[in-house]
Every structure is written in C-alpha cells, then in structure tokens.
Amino acid sequence: MAHIDNTSFDRPTDSGAGFVDGAILMQLGIRAALGRDGRADLVAAHMYFNLADRKGAEGAAAHRKDVAADMSKAEIAAALRAARQWLTLH
C-alpha cells in the first residue's frame, strides 16, 4: 500500500496528495477500520471516511457514521482535527 509522507516535501502539491481521490480515501478508511495494517485505528478511519465523503465517495458518510458509533467524543474530535489538518496541507 502506498504511503504519502507529507513531511518530506516543501509544498503540499509535491507529495501528490492533491490527486488522491475519494475511492483511495475510502480504501484507506476501510483498512484502518478493519485493522488490515495491524490494530484497528478508528480515528484514522473516521478521518479517511470524512475526507472521502468530502470528495464525493458514495457510502463514505455511512461508514463514518458506523465508525463514530464506536468512538468517544474525544476520538471523534481528534479525527475531525486530523481531517482539517490534512485539508490544510492539501
């Protein structure tokens, strides 16, 4: 799986993250929610589903809602902050 390292670039467009579409973000959310790369990370899953929804990916909002049902308010707030930070960088 590809990993985009945003810290290695001077400009956000250099990382290629601006070209990430909703389908890729959905895949990342599903991988995080299911723990495909180790332990499940609901904060990351929520963030990816939020970003995917913003890019118009079908079903992203429903996945985000399902994940949020198993998260605390603090975890949801962390996911929202992470999504805002991702958008700021890209």
N, C-alpha and C. Protein backbone atom coordinates (compact mmCIF):
# COMPACT_ATOMS: atom_id res chain seq x y z
N MET A 1 0.84 -1.18 0.00
CA MET A 1 0.00 0.00 0.00
C MET A 1 0.88 1.24 0.00
N ALA A 2 0.47 2.22 -0.75
CA ALA A 2 1.23 3.46 -0.84
C ALA A 2 1.08 4.27 0.43
N HIS A 3 2.13 4.96 0.76
CA HIS A 3 2.11 5.85 1.92
C HIS A 3 2.57 7.21 1.45
N ILE A 4 1.80 8.24 1.75
CA ILE A 4 2.17 9.59 1.36
C ILE A 4 2.78 10.27 2.58
N ASP A 5 4.06 10.58 2.48
CA ASP A 5 4.77 11.24 3.57
C ASP A 5 4.78 12.73 3.30
N ASN A 6 3.89 13.44 3.97
CA ASN A 6 3.75 14.88 3.75
C ASN A 6 4.90 15.68 4.31
N THR A 7 5.69 15.11 5.19
CA THR A 7 6.76 15.86 5.82
C THR A 7 8.00 15.97 4.96
N SER A 8 8.05 15.23 3.87
CA SER A 8 9.24 15.20 3.04
C SER A 8 9.23 16.23 1.91
N PHE A 9 8.22 17.06 1.87
CA PHE A 9 8.07 17.98 0.76
C PHE A 9 7.89 19.40 1.25
N ASP A 10 8.43 20.33 0.47
CA ASP A 10 8.31 21.75 0.82
C ASP A 10 6.91 22.29 0.52
N ARG A 11 6.30 21.78 -0.53
CA ARG A 11 4.97 22.23 -0.92
C ARG A 11 4.02 21.05 -0.91
N PRO A 12 2.80 21.25 -0.46
CA PRO A 12 1.84 20.13 -0.42
C PRO A 12 1.62 19.46 -1.76
N THR A 13 1.69 20.22 -2.86
CA THR A 13 1.45 19.63 -4.17
C THR A 13 2.57 18.68 -4.58
N ASP A 14 3.75 18.82 -3.99
CA ASP A 14 4.87 17.94 -4.31
C ASP A 14 4.62 16.50 -3.89
N SER A 15 3.80 16.30 -2.89
CA SER A 15 3.56 14.95 -2.36
C SER A 15 2.62 14.14 -3.23
N GLY A 16 1.87 14.79 -4.09
CA GLY A 16 0.89 14.10 -4.92
C GLY A 16 -0.44 13.89 -4.20
N ALA A 17 -0.54 14.29 -2.95
CA ALA A 17 -1.75 14.06 -2.17
C ALA A 17 -2.96 14.80 -2.75
N GLY A 18 -2.72 15.86 -3.49
CA GLY A 18 -3.82 16.58 -4.11
C GLY A 18 -4.56 15.75 -5.14
N PHE A 19 -3.93 14.69 -5.62
CA PHE A 19 -4.53 13.83 -6.63
C PHE A 19 -5.22 12.61 -6.03
N VAL A 20 -5.23 12.51 -4.72
CA VAL A 20 -5.88 11.37 -4.06
C VAL A 20 -7.39 11.55 -4.20
N ASP A 21 -8.05 10.53 -4.76
CA ASP A 21 -9.49 10.65 -4.96
C ASP A 21 -10.26 9.96 -3.83
N GLY A 22 -11.57 10.09 -3.88
CA GLY A 22 -12.43 9.55 -2.84
C GLY A 22 -12.33 8.04 -2.69
N ALA A 23 -12.12 7.33 -3.80
CA ALA A 23 -12.03 5.86 -3.74
C ALA A 23 -10.80 5.42 -2.95
N ILE A 24 -9.69 6.10 -3.15
CA ILE A 24 -8.47 5.77 -2.40
C ILE A 24 -8.67 6.07 -0.92
N LEU A 25 -9.30 7.20 -0.62
CA LEU A 25 -9.55 7.55 0.78
C LEU A 25 -10.49 6.55 1.42
N MET A 26 -11.48 6.06 0.67
CA MET A 26 -12.38 5.02 1.19
C MET A 26 -11.59 3.75 1.52
N GLN A 27 -10.70 3.34 0.62
CA GLN A 27 -9.87 2.15 0.86
C GLN A 27 -9.02 2.32 2.11
N LEU A 28 -8.44 3.50 2.28
CA LEU A 28 -7.63 3.77 3.47
C LEU A 28 -8.48 3.70 4.73
N GLY A 29 -9.70 4.24 4.66
CA GLY A 29 -10.61 4.19 5.80
C GLY A 29 -10.99 2.77 6.17
N ILE A 30 -11.28 1.96 5.17
CA ILE A 30 -11.64 0.57 5.42
C ILE A 30 -10.47 -0.19 6.02
N ARG A 31 -9.27 0.03 5.47
CA ARG A 31 -8.08 -0.64 6.01
C ARG A 31 -7.87 -0.27 7.48
N ALA A 32 -8.03 1.02 7.80
CA ALA A 32 -7.84 1.47 9.17
C ALA A 32 -8.92 0.90 10.09
N ALA A 33 -10.16 0.89 9.63
CA ALA A 33 -11.27 0.40 10.45
C ALA A 33 -11.15 -1.09 10.74
N LEU A 34 -10.67 -1.85 9.77
CA LEU A 34 -10.57 -3.29 9.94
C LEU A 34 -9.24 -3.75 10.53
N GLY A 35 -8.31 -2.82 10.67
CA GLY A 35 -7.01 -3.18 11.22
C GLY A 35 -6.17 -3.99 10.25
N ARG A 36 -6.30 -3.74 8.98
CA ARG A 36 -5.57 -4.50 7.96
C ARG A 36 -4.06 -4.32 8.07
N ASP A 37 -3.62 -3.23 8.64
CA ASP A 37 -2.19 -2.96 8.79
C ASP A 37 -1.74 -3.10 10.24
N GLY A 38 -2.46 -3.90 11.00
CA GLY A 38 -2.17 -4.06 12.42
C GLY A 38 -3.46 -3.88 13.20
N ARG A 39 -3.40 -3.08 14.21
CA ARG A 39 -4.56 -2.82 15.06
C ARG A 39 -5.51 -1.81 14.40
N ALA A 40 -6.80 -2.01 14.58
CA ALA A 40 -7.78 -1.07 14.03
C ALA A 40 -7.54 0.33 14.61
N ASP A 41 -7.65 1.33 13.75
CA ASP A 41 -7.46 2.73 14.14
C ASP A 41 -8.72 3.49 13.72
N LEU A 42 -9.66 3.62 14.65
CA LEU A 42 -10.94 4.25 14.33
C LEU A 42 -10.81 5.74 14.08
N VAL A 43 -9.84 6.38 14.72
CA VAL A 43 -9.62 7.81 14.48
C VAL A 43 -9.19 8.02 13.03
N ALA A 44 -8.23 7.23 12.58
CA ALA A 44 -7.78 7.34 11.18
C ALA A 44 -8.90 6.97 10.22
N ALA A 45 -9.65 5.93 10.55
CA ALA A 45 -10.76 5.51 9.69
C ALA A 45 -11.78 6.63 9.54
N HIS A 46 -12.16 7.25 10.64
CA HIS A 46 -13.12 8.35 10.62
C HIS A 46 -12.57 9.49 9.76
N MET A 47 -11.29 9.81 9.94
CA MET A 47 -10.67 10.88 9.17
C MET A 47 -10.75 10.57 7.67
N TYR A 48 -10.35 9.36 7.28
CA TYR A 48 -10.36 8.99 5.86
C TYR A 48 -11.78 8.99 5.29
N PHE A 49 -12.74 8.47 6.05
CA PHE A 49 -14.12 8.47 5.57
C PHE A 49 -14.65 9.90 5.44
N ASN A 50 -14.26 10.77 6.35
CA ASN A 50 -14.66 12.16 6.29
C ASN A 50 -14.11 12.81 5.01
N LEU A 51 -12.83 12.57 4.74
CA LEU A 51 -12.20 13.12 3.54
C LEU A 51 -12.81 12.52 2.27
N ALA A 52 -13.09 11.22 2.30
CA ALA A 52 -13.71 10.57 1.15
C ALA A 52 -15.10 11.15 0.88
N ASP A 53 -15.85 11.39 1.94
CA ASP A 53 -17.18 11.99 1.80
C ASP A 53 -17.06 13.37 1.18
N ARG A 54 -16.09 14.11 1.61
CA ARG A 54 -15.87 15.45 1.08
C ARG A 54 -15.55 15.41 -0.42
N LYS A 55 -14.90 14.33 -0.85
CA LYS A 55 -14.57 14.17 -2.28
C LYS A 55 -15.69 13.48 -3.05
N GLY A 56 -16.81 13.22 -2.39
CA GLY A 56 -17.97 12.68 -3.07
C GLY A 56 -18.03 11.17 -3.19
N ALA A 57 -17.25 10.45 -2.39
CA ALA A 57 -17.26 8.98 -2.45
C ALA A 57 -18.57 8.44 -1.88
N GLU A 58 -19.24 7.62 -2.67
CA GLU A 58 -20.51 7.05 -2.24
C GLU A 58 -20.31 6.10 -1.06
N GLY A 59 -21.11 6.26 -0.04
CA GLY A 59 -21.05 5.39 1.13
C GLY A 59 -20.11 5.86 2.21
N ALA A 60 -19.32 6.87 1.94
CA ALA A 60 -18.33 7.33 2.92
C ALA A 60 -19.00 7.87 4.19
N ALA A 61 -20.06 8.61 4.03
CA ALA A 61 -20.76 9.17 5.20
C ALA A 61 -21.32 8.06 6.08
N ALA A 62 -21.86 7.02 5.46
CA ALA A 62 -22.42 5.90 6.23
C ALA A 62 -21.32 5.16 6.99
N HIS A 63 -20.18 4.96 6.34
CA HIS A 63 -19.05 4.30 7.02
C HIS A 63 -18.56 5.15 8.19
N ARG A 64 -18.49 6.47 7.95
CA ARG A 64 -18.05 7.38 9.02
C ARG A 64 -19.00 7.30 10.20
N LYS A 65 -20.29 7.25 9.93
CA LYS A 65 -21.29 7.17 11.00
C LYS A 65 -21.15 5.86 11.77
N ASP A 66 -20.94 4.75 11.06
CA ASP A 66 -20.75 3.45 11.73
C ASP A 66 -19.53 3.46 12.63
N VAL A 67 -18.44 4.01 12.15
CA VAL A 67 -17.21 4.07 12.94
C VAL A 67 -17.41 4.97 14.16
N ALA A 68 -18.08 6.10 13.95
CA ALA A 68 -18.28 7.06 15.04
C ALA A 68 -19.09 6.45 16.19
N ALA A 69 -19.94 5.49 15.88
CA ALA A 69 -20.76 4.85 16.92
C ALA A 69 -19.89 4.12 17.95
N ASP A 70 -18.68 3.74 17.55
CA ASP A 70 -17.77 3.03 18.46
C ASP A 70 -16.66 3.91 19.01
N MET A 71 -16.80 5.23 18.83
CA MET A 71 -15.76 6.16 19.25
C MET A 71 -16.26 7.08 20.36
N SER A 72 -15.33 7.56 21.17
CA SER A 72 -15.66 8.56 22.19
C SER A 72 -15.71 9.94 21.52
N LYS A 73 -16.26 10.91 22.24
CA LYS A 73 -16.31 12.28 21.72
C LYS A 73 -14.90 12.81 21.48
N ALA A 74 -13.97 12.46 22.35
CA ALA A 74 -12.59 12.91 22.20
C ALA A 74 -11.94 12.31 20.95
N GLU A 75 -12.24 11.05 20.67
CA GLU A 75 -11.69 10.41 19.47
C GLU A 75 -12.26 11.03 18.20
N ILE A 76 -13.55 11.33 18.22
CA ILE A 76 -14.18 11.98 17.07
C ILE A 76 -13.57 13.36 16.85
N ALA A 77 -13.37 14.09 17.93
CA ALA A 77 -12.75 15.42 17.83
C ALA A 77 -11.33 15.31 17.25
N ALA A 78 -10.58 14.30 17.66
CA ALA A 78 -9.23 14.09 17.14
C ALA A 78 -9.28 13.77 15.64
N ALA A 79 -10.26 12.97 15.23
CA ALA A 79 -10.40 12.63 13.82
C ALA A 79 -10.75 13.86 12.99
N LEU A 80 -11.62 14.69 13.51
CA LEU A 80 -12.00 15.92 12.80
C LEU A 80 -10.82 16.87 12.69
N ARG A 81 -10.02 16.98 13.76
CA ARG A 81 -8.82 17.81 13.70
C ARG A 81 -7.85 17.29 12.66
N ALA A 82 -7.67 15.97 12.62
CA ALA A 82 -6.75 15.36 11.66
C ALA A 82 -7.22 15.61 10.22
N ALA A 83 -8.53 15.53 10.00
CA ALA A 83 -9.07 15.79 8.66
C ALA A 83 -8.85 17.25 8.27
N ARG A 84 -9.08 18.16 9.20
CA ARG A 84 -8.85 19.58 8.91
C ARG A 84 -7.38 19.83 8.61
N GLN A 85 -6.49 19.19 9.37
CA GLN A 85 -5.07 19.36 9.12
C GLN A 85 -4.69 18.82 7.74
N TRP A 86 -5.23 17.66 7.37
CA TRP A 86 -4.97 17.08 6.06
C TRP A 86 -5.41 18.05 4.96
N LEU A 87 -6.59 18.64 5.13
CA LEU A 87 -7.09 19.57 4.13
C LEU A 87 -6.24 20.83 4.06
N THR A 88 -5.73 21.28 5.19
CA THR A 88 -4.86 22.46 5.22
C THR A 88 -3.58 22.20 4.43
N LEU A 89 -3.07 21.01 4.55
CA LEU A 89 -1.82 20.65 3.86
C LEU A 89 -2.02 20.41 2.38
N HIS A 90 -3.25 20.14 1.97
CA HIS A 90 -3.51 19.76 0.59
C HIS A 90 -4.51 20.67 -0.03
